[in-house]
């Protein structure tokens, strides 16, 4: 842990706790930055949220909508928010048309689900709520949502609260690697042992498989049977408290 240079982290139920950002978790982000570490949330949350996070949280950049883009504050000419989309405007527009068809089918076929309340702030994907603002659905219903996305040729990833679907060959990992190369001039394939990823749910599994020092907060155990890759380390505490536990361990090792 002493050689760690940066932390990538999921947000929902990794930094947040029961949909709230605690002072302890926010303080952990601050402490990581103060220790000189790169801090980058990698989330399924929408562009509108990422705008706020990038401007107001102690972070260096944000990867949003499961890899559709990254945002950062460009300080070379004042302080300007920049967004680098993986797809072109035309590709995202075509994707939105396809997702509208999927949206109608999912709502017909899966009683009890809903379109996520943050959908109006999304630029590239469709988020289907299965437990954030609706009563929790059974795993079989969540699997049904995933199958509908895949039937139409879309990618689908399950988070702790949503099924996120999109058209395009990207995910959290591919975009994080591209961002590190383009924005920070880091070859992540060569340097992956110097970075930590923390997460809690199936859409984090590719990141768990890639990073040798991946960390799961304790609630990751609830999804263990749904993930091909598990983290090497699991904290004793859940959600934001687990994230803070991880941050303390990294900072202590460095000092």
C-alpha atoms as a PDB file:
ATOM      1  CA  UNK A   1       0.000   0.000   0.000  1.00  0.00           C
ATOM      2  CA  UNK A   2       2.947   2.362   0.557  1.00  0.00           C
ATOM      3  CA  UNK A   3       3.509   2.669  -3.216  1.00  0.00           C
ATOM      4  CA  UNK A   4      -0.100   3.613  -4.032  1.00  0.00           C
ATOM      5  CA  UNK A   5      -0.409   6.763  -6.148  1.00  0.00           C
ATOM      6  CA  UNK A   6      -4.165   7.043  -6.620  1.00  0.00           C
ATOM      7  CA  UNK A   7      -7.630   5.791  -5.770  1.00  0.00           C
ATOM      8  CA  UNK A   8     -10.495   5.094  -8.157  1.00  0.00           C
ATOM      9  CA  UNK A   9     -13.814   4.549  -6.452  1.00  0.00           C
ATOM     10  CA  UNK A  10     -17.425   3.712  -7.111  1.00  0.00           C
ATOM     11  CA  UNK A  11     -19.883   6.054  -5.359  1.00  0.00           C
ATOM     12  CA  UNK A  12     -23.222   4.419  -4.515  1.00  0.00           C
ATOM     13  CA  UNK A  13     -22.928   2.364  -1.325  1.00  0.00           C
ATOM     14  CA  UNK A  14     -19.148   2.563  -1.607  1.00  0.00           C
ATOM     15  CA  UNK A  15     -18.618   6.216  -0.716  1.00  0.00           C
ATOM     16  CA  UNK A  16     -22.287   6.825   0.128  1.00  0.00           C
ATOM     17  CA  UNK A  17     -24.205   5.087   2.921  1.00  0.00           C
ATOM     18  CA  UNK A  18     -27.904   4.362   2.447  1.00  0.00           C
ATOM     19  CA  UNK A  19     -27.933   7.040  -0.283  1.00  0.00           C
ATOM     20  CA  UNK A  20     -26.287   9.660   1.946  1.00  0.00           C
ATOM     21  CA  UNK A  21     -22.787  11.116   1.780  1.00  0.00           C
ATOM     22  CA  UNK A  22     -21.514  11.048   5.352  1.00  0.00           C
ATOM     23  CA  UNK A  23     -19.021  13.490   6.780  1.00  0.00           C
ATOM     24  CA  UNK A  24     -16.682  10.585   7.471  1.00  0.00           C
ATOM     25  CA  UNK A  25     -16.652   9.475   3.827  1.00  0.00           C
ATOM     26  CA  UNK A  26     -16.259  13.006   2.461  1.00  0.00           C
ATOM     27  CA  UNK A  27     -13.454  13.555   4.953  1.00  0.00           C
ATOM     28  CA  UNK A  28     -11.769  10.414   3.643  1.00  0.00           C
ATOM     29  CA  UNK A  29     -11.805  11.876   0.114  1.00  0.00           C
ATOM     30  CA  UNK A  30     -10.274  15.077   1.475  1.00  0.00           C
ATOM     31  CA  UNK A  31      -7.641  13.124   3.392  1.00  0.00           C
ATOM     32  CA  UNK A  32      -6.634  11.114   0.321  1.00  0.00           C
ATOM     33  CA  UNK A  33      -6.223  14.309  -1.704  1.00  0.00           C
ATOM     34  CA  UNK A  34      -4.284  15.999   1.122  1.00  0.00           C
ATOM     35  CA  UNK A  35      -1.934  12.997   1.165  1.00  0.00           C
ATOM     36  CA  UNK A  36      -1.082  13.709  -2.473  1.00  0.00           C
ATOM     37  CA  UNK A  37      -3.071  10.893  -4.061  1.00  0.00           C
ATOM     38  CA  UNK A  38      -4.991  11.070  -7.330  1.00  0.00           C
ATOM     39  CA  UNK A  39      -8.717  10.621  -6.553  1.00  0.00           C
ATOM     40  CA  UNK A  40     -11.191   9.712  -9.313  1.00  0.00           C
ATOM     41  CA  UNK A  41     -14.780   8.520  -8.770  1.00  0.00           C
ATOM     42  CA  UNK A  42     -15.826   5.951 -11.402  1.00  0.00           C
ATOM     43  CA  UNK A  43     -19.598   5.770 -11.313  1.00  0.00           C
ATOM     44  CA  UNK A  44     -22.793   4.843 -13.094  1.00  0.00           C
ATOM     45  CA  UNK A  45     -24.320   8.138 -12.031  1.00  0.00           C
ATOM     46  CA  UNK A  46     -25.333  10.696 -14.683  1.00  0.00           C
ATOM     47  CA  UNK A  47     -23.557  13.592 -16.332  1.00  0.00           C
ATOM     48  CA  UNK A  48     -25.514  16.091 -14.241  1.00  0.00           C
ATOM     49  CA  UNK A  49     -24.252  14.560 -11.022  1.00  0.00           C
ATOM     50  CA  UNK A  50     -20.705  14.306 -12.365  1.00  0.00           C
ATOM     51  CA  UNK A  51     -20.714  18.033 -13.180  1.00  0.00           C
ATOM     52  CA  UNK A  52     -21.463  18.778  -9.535  1.00  0.00           C
ATOM     53  CA  UNK A  53     -18.989  16.195  -8.203  1.00  0.00           C
ATOM     54  CA  UNK A  54     -16.185  17.467 -10.408  1.00  0.00           C
ATOM     55  CA  UNK A  55     -16.764  21.072  -9.370  1.00  0.00           C
ATOM     56  CA  UNK A  56     -17.354  20.614  -5.642  1.00  0.00           C
ATOM     57  CA  UNK A  57     -15.778  17.376  -4.411  1.00  0.00           C
ATOM     58  CA  UNK A  58     -12.044  16.947  -3.666  1.00  0.00           C
ATOM     59  CA  UNK A  59     -11.374  14.894  -6.814  1.00  0.00           C
ATOM     60  CA  UNK A  60      -9.144  15.120  -9.890  1.00  0.00           C
ATOM     61  CA  UNK A  61     -11.683  13.866 -12.447  1.00  0.00           C
ATOM     62  CA  UNK A  62     -14.863  11.778 -12.673  1.00  0.00           C
ATOM     63  CA  UNK A  63     -15.731   8.865 -14.973  1.00  0.00           C
ATOM     64  CA  UNK A  64     -19.516   8.818 -15.393  1.00  0.00           C
ATOM     65  CA  UNK A  65     -22.369   6.705 -16.754  1.00  0.00           C
ATOM     66  CA  UNK A  66     -20.286   3.529 -16.568  1.00  0.00           C
ATOM     67  CA  UNK A  67     -17.626   4.915 -18.880  1.00  0.00           C
ATOM     68  CA  UNK A  68     -19.551   7.096 -21.328  1.00  0.00           C
ATOM     69  CA  UNK A  69     -17.281  10.069 -20.531  1.00  0.00           C
ATOM     70  CA  UNK A  70     -14.907  11.635 -18.092  1.00  0.00           C
ATOM     71  CA  UNK A  71     -15.035  15.167 -16.691  1.00  0.00           C
ATOM     72  CA  UNK A  72     -12.316  17.301 -15.140  1.00  0.00           C
ATOM     73  CA  UNK A  73     -11.596  20.896 -14.227  1.00  0.00           C
ATOM     74  CA  UNK A  74      -9.103  22.351 -16.694  1.00  0.00           C
ATOM     75  CA  UNK A  75      -6.973  24.855 -14.786  1.00  0.00           C
ATOM     76  CA  UNK A  76      -4.665  25.687 -17.698  1.00  0.00           C
ATOM     77  CA  UNK A  77      -6.894  28.632 -18.697  1.00  0.00           C
ATOM     78  CA  UNK A  78      -8.709  29.590 -15.526  1.00  0.00           C
ATOM     79  CA  UNK A  79     -10.975  26.859 -14.175  1.00  0.00           C
ATOM     80  CA  UNK A  80     -13.156  25.308 -16.862  1.00  0.00           C
ATOM     81  CA  UNK A  81     -15.179  22.117 -16.703  1.00  0.00           C
ATOM     82  CA  UNK A  82     -14.301  19.807 -19.601  1.00  0.00           C
ATOM     83  CA  UNK A  83     -16.048  16.657 -20.783  1.00  0.00           C
ATOM     84  CA  UNK A  84     -14.499  13.983 -22.982  1.00  0.00           C
ATOM     85  CA  UNK A  85     -17.149  11.665 -24.436  1.00  0.00           C
ATOM     86  CA  UNK A  86     -16.119   8.238 -25.709  1.00  0.00           C
ATOM     87  CA  UNK A  87     -18.730   8.368 -28.496  1.00  0.00           C
ATOM     88  CA  UNK A  88     -19.578  11.079 -31.014  1.00  0.00           C
ATOM     89  CA  UNK A  89     -22.743  13.169 -30.768  1.00  0.00           C
ATOM     90  CA  UNK A  90     -24.259  11.148 -33.615  1.00  0.00           C
ATOM     91  CA  UNK A  91     -23.498   7.817 -31.934  1.00  0.00           C
ATOM     92  CA  UNK A  92     -25.058   8.980 -28.671  1.00  0.00           C
ATOM     93  CA  UNK A  93     -28.151  10.185 -30.535  1.00  0.00           C
ATOM     94  CA  UNK A  94     -28.589   6.803 -32.231  1.00  0.00           C
ATOM     95  CA  UNK A  95     -28.139   5.129 -28.883  1.00  0.00           C
ATOM     96  CA  UNK A  96     -30.844   7.248 -27.282  1.00  0.00           C
ATOM     97  CA  UNK A  97     -33.354   6.124 -29.919  1.00  0.00           C
ATOM     98  CA  UNK A  98     -32.540   2.492 -29.248  1.00  0.00           C
ATOM     99  CA  UNK A  99     -32.772   2.987 -25.493  1.00  0.00           C
ATOM    100  CA  UNK A 100     -36.237   4.506 -25.837  1.00  0.00           C
ATOM    101  CA  UNK A 101     -37.449   1.213 -27.344  1.00  0.00           C
ATOM    102  CA  UNK A 102     -35.870  -0.710 -24.477  1.00  0.00           C
ATOM    103  CA  UNK A 103     -37.355   1.662 -21.926  1.00  0.00           C
ATOM    104  CA  UNK A 104     -40.903   0.933 -23.121  1.00  0.00           C
ATOM    105  CA  UNK A 105     -40.340  -2.819 -23.134  1.00  0.00           C
ATOM    106  CA  UNK A 106     -38.757  -2.925 -19.675  1.00  0.00           C
ATOM    107  CA  UNK A 107     -41.617  -0.974 -18.104  1.00  0.00           C
ATOM    108  CA  UNK A 108     -44.147  -3.319 -19.724  1.00  0.00           C
ATOM    109  CA  UNK A 109     -42.332  -6.549 -18.922  1.00  0.00           C
ATOM    110  CA  UNK A 110     -41.023  -5.974 -15.395  1.00  0.00           C
ATOM    111  CA  UNK A 111     -43.688  -4.847 -12.911  1.00  0.00           C
ATOM    112  CA  UNK A 112     -42.381  -2.773 -10.041  1.00  0.00           C
ATOM    113  CA  UNK A 113     -39.345  -1.298 -11.766  1.00  0.00           C
ATOM    114  CA  UNK A 114     -39.095   2.359 -12.762  1.00  0.00           C
ATOM    115  CA  UNK A 115     -36.890   4.645 -14.776  1.00  0.00           C
ATOM    116  CA  UNK A 116     -34.333   6.097 -12.373  1.00  0.00           C
ATOM    117  CA  UNK A 117     -35.078   9.534 -10.971  1.00  0.00           C
ATOM    118  CA  UNK A 118     -31.703  10.771 -12.247  1.00  0.00           C
ATOM    119  CA  UNK A 119     -32.477   9.808 -15.871  1.00  0.00           C
ATOM    120  CA  UNK A 120     -33.142  13.436 -17.005  1.00  0.00           C
ATOM    121  CA  UNK A 121     -29.493  14.238 -16.232  1.00  0.00           C
ATOM    122  CA  UNK A 122     -28.032  11.394 -18.317  1.00  0.00           C
ATOM    123  CA  UNK A 123     -26.204  11.866 -21.613  1.00  0.00           C
ATOM    124  CA  UNK A 124     -25.679   8.332 -22.895  1.00  0.00           C
ATOM    125  CA  UNK A 125     -27.380   5.542 -20.959  1.00  0.00           C
ATOM    126  CA  UNK A 126     -30.691   4.327 -19.535  1.00  0.00           C
ATOM    127  CA  UNK A 127     -30.932   3.611 -15.809  1.00  0.00           C
ATOM    128  CA  UNK A 128     -33.680   1.321 -14.525  1.00  0.00           C
ATOM    129  CA  UNK A 129     -34.367   1.566 -10.805  1.00  0.00           C
ATOM    130  CA  UNK A 130     -34.870  -1.717  -8.962  1.00  0.00           C
ATOM    131  CA  UNK A 131     -34.485  -0.562  -5.363  1.00  0.00           C
ATOM    132  CA  UNK A 132     -33.510   3.119  -4.977  1.00  0.00           C
ATOM    133  CA  UNK A 133     -36.959   4.756  -5.143  1.00  0.00           C
ATOM    134  CA  UNK A 134     -39.051   1.613  -5.610  1.00  0.00           C
ATOM    135  CA  UNK A 135     -39.562  -1.402  -3.333  1.00  0.00           C
ATOM    136  CA  UNK A 136     -36.663  -3.827  -3.934  1.00  0.00           C
ATOM    137  CA  UNK A 137     -37.215  -6.269  -6.789  1.00  0.00           C
ATOM    138  CA  UNK A 138     -36.226  -9.920  -6.632  1.00  0.00           C
ATOM    139  CA  UNK A 139     -32.977 -10.955  -8.383  1.00  0.00           C
ATOM    140  CA  UNK A 140     -34.993 -12.733 -11.086  1.00  0.00           C
ATOM    141  CA  UNK A 141     -36.660  -9.432 -12.033  1.00  0.00           C
ATOM    142  CA  UNK A 142     -33.291  -7.691 -12.189  1.00  0.00           C
ATOM    143  CA  UNK A 143     -32.020 -10.468 -14.460  1.00  0.00           C
ATOM    144  CA  UNK A 144     -35.069  -9.981 -16.683  1.00  0.00           C
ATOM    145  CA  UNK A 145     -34.198  -6.303 -17.110  1.00  0.00           C
ATOM    146  CA  UNK A 146     -30.648  -7.232 -18.090  1.00  0.00           C
ATOM    147  CA  UNK A 147     -31.886  -9.754 -20.663  1.00  0.00           C
ATOM    148  CA  UNK A 148     -34.114  -7.147 -22.331  1.00  0.00           C
ATOM    149  CA  UNK A 149     -31.165  -4.788 -22.777  1.00  0.00           C
ATOM    150  CA  UNK A 150     -29.007  -7.589 -24.164  1.00  0.00           C
ATOM    151  CA  UNK A 151     -31.737  -8.814 -26.522  1.00  0.00           C
ATOM    152  CA  UNK A 152     -31.593  -5.414 -28.235  1.00  0.00           C
ATOM    153  CA  UNK A 153     -27.798  -5.520 -28.501  1.00  0.00           C
ATOM    154  CA  UNK A 154     -27.126  -3.140 -25.611  1.00  0.00           C
ATOM    155  CA  UNK A 155     -24.692  -3.592 -22.753  1.00  0.00           C
ATOM    156  CA  UNK A 156     -26.220  -3.857 -19.275  1.00  0.00           C
ATOM    157  CA  UNK A 157     -24.551  -3.623 -15.865  1.00  0.00           C
ATOM    158  CA  UNK A 158     -26.105  -4.095 -12.444  1.00  0.00           C
ATOM    159  CA  UNK A 159     -25.180  -1.655  -9.674  1.00  0.00           C
ATOM    160  CA  UNK A 160     -26.417  -1.679  -6.088  1.00  0.00           C
ATOM    161  CA  UNK A 161     -29.521   0.310  -7.142  1.00  0.00           C
ATOM    162  CA  UNK A 162     -29.916   0.384 -10.947  1.00  0.00           C
ATOM    163  CA  UNK A 163     -29.516  -1.618 -14.111  1.00  0.00           C
ATOM    164  CA  UNK A 164     -27.634   0.667 -16.483  1.00  0.00           C
ATOM    165  CA  UNK A 165     -27.755  -0.034 -20.210  1.00  0.00           C
ATOM    166  CA  UNK A 166     -26.098   1.572 -23.220  1.00  0.00           C
ATOM    167  CA  UNK A 167     -25.011   1.041 -26.810  1.00  0.00           C
ATOM    168  CA  UNK A 168     -21.253   1.203 -27.313  1.00  0.00           C
ATOM    169  CA  UNK A 169     -18.122  -0.789 -26.560  1.00  0.00           C
ATOM    170  CA  UNK A 170     -16.972   0.845 -23.341  1.00  0.00           C
ATOM    171  CA  UNK A 171     -17.278   0.302 -19.610  1.00  0.00           C
ATOM    172  CA  UNK A 172     -15.804   1.656 -16.389  1.00  0.00           C
ATOM    173  CA  UNK A 173     -12.466  -0.024 -17.004  1.00  0.00           C
ATOM    174  CA  UNK A 174     -11.868   0.836 -20.668  1.00  0.00           C
ATOM    175  CA  UNK A 175     -12.669   4.496 -20.081  1.00  0.00           C
ATOM    176  CA  UNK A 176     -10.568   4.710 -16.922  1.00  0.00           C
ATOM    177  CA  UNK A 177      -7.591   3.342 -18.846  1.00  0.00           C
ATOM    178  CA  UNK A 178      -8.177   5.812 -21.714  1.00  0.00           C
ATOM    179  CA  UNK A 179      -8.553   8.727 -19.312  1.00  0.00           C
ATOM    180  CA  UNK A 180      -5.341   7.915 -17.460  1.00  0.00           C
ATOM    181  CA  UNK A 181      -3.415   7.785 -20.740  1.00  0.00           C
ATOM    182  CA  UNK A 182      -4.941  10.883 -22.301  1.00  0.00           C
ATOM    183  CA  UNK A 183      -5.456  13.166 -19.299  1.00  0.00           C
ATOM    184  CA  UNK A 184      -2.752  12.075 -16.834  1.00  0.00           C
ATOM    185  CA  UNK A 185      -0.168  10.486 -19.190  1.00  0.00           C
ATOM    186  CA  UNK A 186      -0.175   7.246 -17.194  1.00  0.00           C
ATOM    187  CA  UNK A 187       0.002   3.799 -18.785  1.00  0.00           C
ATOM    188  CA  UNK A 188      -2.365   2.097 -16.386  1.00  0.00           C
ATOM    189  CA  UNK A 189      -1.578  -1.370 -17.736  1.00  0.00           C
ATOM    190  CA  UNK A 190       2.007  -0.879 -16.603  1.00  0.00           C
ATOM    191  CA  UNK A 191       1.141   0.978 -13.382  1.00  0.00           C
ATOM    192  CA  UNK A 192      -1.997  -0.796 -12.159  1.00  0.00           C
ATOM    193  CA  UNK A 193      -0.304  -2.036  -8.954  1.00  0.00           C
ATOM    194  CA  UNK A 194       0.116   1.586  -7.889  1.00  0.00           C
ATOM    195  CA  UNK A 195      -3.624   2.301  -7.933  1.00  0.00           C
ATOM    196  CA  UNK A 196      -6.549   1.076  -5.852  1.00  0.00           C
ATOM    197  CA  UNK A 197     -10.149   0.654  -6.933  1.00  0.00           C
ATOM    198  CA  UNK A 198     -12.920   0.429  -4.344  1.00  0.00           C
ATOM    199  CA  UNK A 199     -16.437  -0.769  -5.124  1.00  0.00           C
ATOM    200  CA  UNK A 200     -19.396  -2.814  -3.995  1.00  0.00           C
ATOM    201  CA  UNK A 201     -21.471  -4.298  -6.828  1.00  0.00           C
ATOM    202  CA  UNK A 202     -21.470  -6.326 -10.079  1.00  0.00           C
ATOM    203  CA  UNK A 203     -20.711  -3.405 -12.387  1.00  0.00           C
ATOM    204  CA  UNK A 204     -17.429  -3.045 -10.487  1.00  0.00           C
ATOM    205  CA  UNK A 205     -16.338  -6.604 -11.274  1.00  0.00           C
ATOM    206  CA  UNK A 206     -14.133  -5.729 -14.310  1.00  0.00           C
ATOM    207  CA  UNK A 207     -12.285  -3.213 -12.115  1.00  0.00           C
ATOM    208  CA  UNK A 208     -11.858  -5.827  -9.367  1.00  0.00           C
ATOM    209  CA  UNK A 209     -10.360  -8.202 -11.903  1.00  0.00           C
ATOM    210  CA  UNK A 210      -7.971  -5.601 -13.315  1.00  0.00           C
ATOM    211  CA  UNK A 211      -6.508  -4.001 -10.189  1.00  0.00           C
ATOM    212  CA  UNK A 212      -4.326  -6.242  -7.998  1.00  0.00           C
ATOM    213  CA  UNK A 213      -5.101  -3.992  -5.024  1.00  0.00           C
ATOM    214  CA  UNK A 214      -8.868  -3.764  -5.539  1.00  0.00           C
ATOM    215  CA  UNK A 215     -10.886  -3.247  -2.364  1.00  0.00           C
ATOM    216  CA  UNK A 216     -14.520  -4.108  -1.730  1.00  0.00           C
ATOM    217  CA  UNK A 217     -16.458  -2.478   1.071  1.00  0.00           C
ATOM    218  CA  UNK A 218     -18.077  -5.142   3.263  1.00  0.00           C
ATOM    219  CA  UNK A 219     -21.470  -5.008   1.521  1.00  0.00           C
ATOM    220  CA  UNK A 220     -19.825  -6.373  -1.641  1.00  0.00           C
ATOM    221  CA  UNK A 221     -20.420  -9.837  -0.149  1.00  0.00           C
ATOM    222  CA  UNK A 222     -24.135  -9.524  -0.964  1.00  0.00           C
ATOM    223  CA  UNK A 223     -23.274  -9.661  -4.697  1.00  0.00           C
ATOM    224  CA  UNK A 224     -20.437 -12.202  -4.571  1.00  0.00           C
ATOM    225  CA  UNK A 225     -22.382 -14.859  -6.492  1.00  0.00           C
ATOM    226  CA  UNK A 226     -23.097 -12.394  -9.335  1.00  0.00           C
ATOM    227  CA  UNK A 227     -19.504 -11.336 -10.056  1.00  0.00           C
ATOM    228  CA  UNK A 228     -16.833 -13.153 -12.080  1.00  0.00           C
ATOM    229  CA  UNK A 229     -14.109 -11.108 -10.330  1.00  0.00           C
ATOM    230  CA  UNK A 230     -13.950 -10.275  -6.635  1.00  0.00           C
ATOM    231  CA  UNK A 231     -11.710  -7.753  -4.844  1.00  0.00           C
ATOM    232  CA  UNK A 232      -8.513  -8.915  -3.177  1.00  0.00           C
ATOM    233  CA  UNK A 233      -9.359  -7.027  -0.004  1.00  0.00           C
ATOM    234  CA  UNK A 234     -12.687  -6.502   1.783  1.00  0.00           C
ATOM    235  CA  UNK A 235     -13.106  -3.931   4.541  1.00  0.00           C
ATOM    236  CA  UNK A 236     -14.691  -4.822   7.872  1.00  0.00           C
ATOM    237  CA  UNK A 237     -17.143  -1.899   7.597  1.00  0.00           C
ATOM    238  CA  UNK A 238     -19.785  -1.353   4.939  1.00  0.00           C
ATOM    239  CA  UNK A 239     -20.379   1.514   2.505  1.00  0.00           C
ATOM    240  CA  UNK A 240     -18.922   4.914   3.442  1.00  0.00           C
ATOM    241  CA  UNK A 241     -17.443   3.655   6.694  1.00  0.00           C
ATOM    242  CA  UNK A 242     -15.660   0.941   4.733  1.00  0.00           C
ATOM    243  CA  UNK A 243     -14.336   3.518   2.274  1.00  0.00           C
ATOM    244  CA  UNK A 244     -13.000   5.602   5.168  1.00  0.00           C
ATOM    245  CA  UNK A 245     -11.399   2.454   6.641  1.00  0.00           C
ATOM    246  CA  UNK A 246      -9.619   1.851   3.338  1.00  0.00           C
ATOM    247  CA  UNK A 247      -8.462   5.476   3.099  1.00  0.00           C
ATOM    248  CA  UNK A 248      -6.976   5.356   6.595  1.00  0.00           C
ATOM    249  CA  UNK A 249      -5.076   2.167   5.723  1.00  0.00           C
ATOM    250  CA  UNK A 250      -3.615   3.674   2.546  1.00  0.00           C
ATOM    251  CA  UNK A 251      -2.593   6.922   4.233  1.00  0.00           C
ATOM    252  CA  UNK A 252      -1.045   5.075   7.185  1.00  0.00           C
ATOM    253  CA  UNK A 253       0.964   2.842   4.862  1.00  0.00           C
ATOM    254  CA  UNK A 254       2.296   5.841   2.930  1.00  0.00           C
ATOM    255  CA  UNK A 255       3.375   7.657   6.090  1.00  0.00           C
END
